[in-house]
Amino acid sequence: MHQKRVTLADVAKAAGVSRTTASLVLSDRGDELRISEPVQQRVRQVAAELAYRPNAASQVLRTGLSRTFGFISDTVATSQLAGDMIKGALEGARRHDHMLFIGESEGSEDEQARLIQAMVDRQVDGIVIASMFTRERPVPSGVGRPLVFLNTVPAEPRAQVPVVIPDEIGAGRAAARALLDAGHRKIHLIGAGPTLDDVPPLTIAGRERLEGILQELGCAGLEPASGRRCGIWLPEDGWRATAALLRSGVADGAILCFNDRLALGAYQAIQEAGFRVPQDFSVVSFDDHQLAGWLRPGLTTVALPHYELGRRAIDALLAPAAAAAGVERVPMPLRARGSIAAPGAAADAH
């Protein structure tokens, strides 16, 4: 048998006050209306003892707020790589005393529209639209709620939607700087480059990573030693591009891969050719996938801050509209491991 729900009237009766007084105290308006501190303490103690919980539907009617948010992704919810985005959003919602409804569209605009409507019907206070990979997406119309784009940018150039994305330009600069600081001047790119025209289509992260790399190299008076564009950034593509680089006669230097899966293929090609990381080739990458720590030596990579992205998206939902508008770039930290050595490390070892 279900236990009878404790009502506000039950709390008021047990505390010996009116229902109005109990309501004012439990909505934190007791001081405002000069209700004595002993009475307030008694009401709160009784509410705690009775395990009173406010009626959510009544709260919505009274305040216009449901204390819930919606989170709609394409494939984030089912992705091991970006699942921390959900964790960050959940923590952000918890910190602001909200619950989170999570839905996944699997890339279907029709399904996304259905999920938005379902969440609006449930009176959510705002909605996060999230993507697994940074890409352009149209802004849904007629939502009537605060909206934040997470790891995605509006296809409409003048759309007034707050955007939270990784700082991929800063990440590109950090990756190049790690190699420059080690003394490298011959840096080969695997995945994109050597120019900004050499980027797979619809790859916002790739273009911005390359932009940061070129900026940092330019500050040092350098250009990439070479670049190999890969249409897909999988281990096989990294292996194929790196093997071609080695066949061209390159026998040492630094390789900067555009994600960790490409770097895994690069490691394989380097080993198969009889070279070693980092003695012959230093390798740096992006994403901080779990495999980066599994590789031997560990892969130095610039991490995607998935958890922080999710948390900040919730903060953006609660920010005043004027303050929230625009793009917030979340810093991407460098995870230094064992894949970088100074040039000539192999000769020094003999």
Foldseek 3Di string as FASTA:
>chain_A
DDDDADDLCNLCVVLVHDSVQLVCLVVVNCVVVVPDPVSSVSSVVSCVVSVHDDDQVVCCVVPVANLEEEEEEQCQCVDPLQVLLVVLLQVLSVVVSHYYHYYHDVPDPVSVVVSLVVVVVVSHQEYEYEYPAEFEDDDDPDSPHQYEYFSYHHPDPPDFHFYEHAQLLVQLQVQLVVQVVQPFQAEEEAAADQDLVTHAPRHPSRSSSNNNVQVNQVVVVHGHNYYDHDNDQALVSLLVVLLVVVVVPQFATEYEYAAVRSVNSNQVNCVVVPHHFPQGYFYEYEAPDVVQVVDVQRHWYFHGPSSVSSSVRSVLSPDPSVVRTDYDHHYTHIDDTRRHHHPNNNVVVD
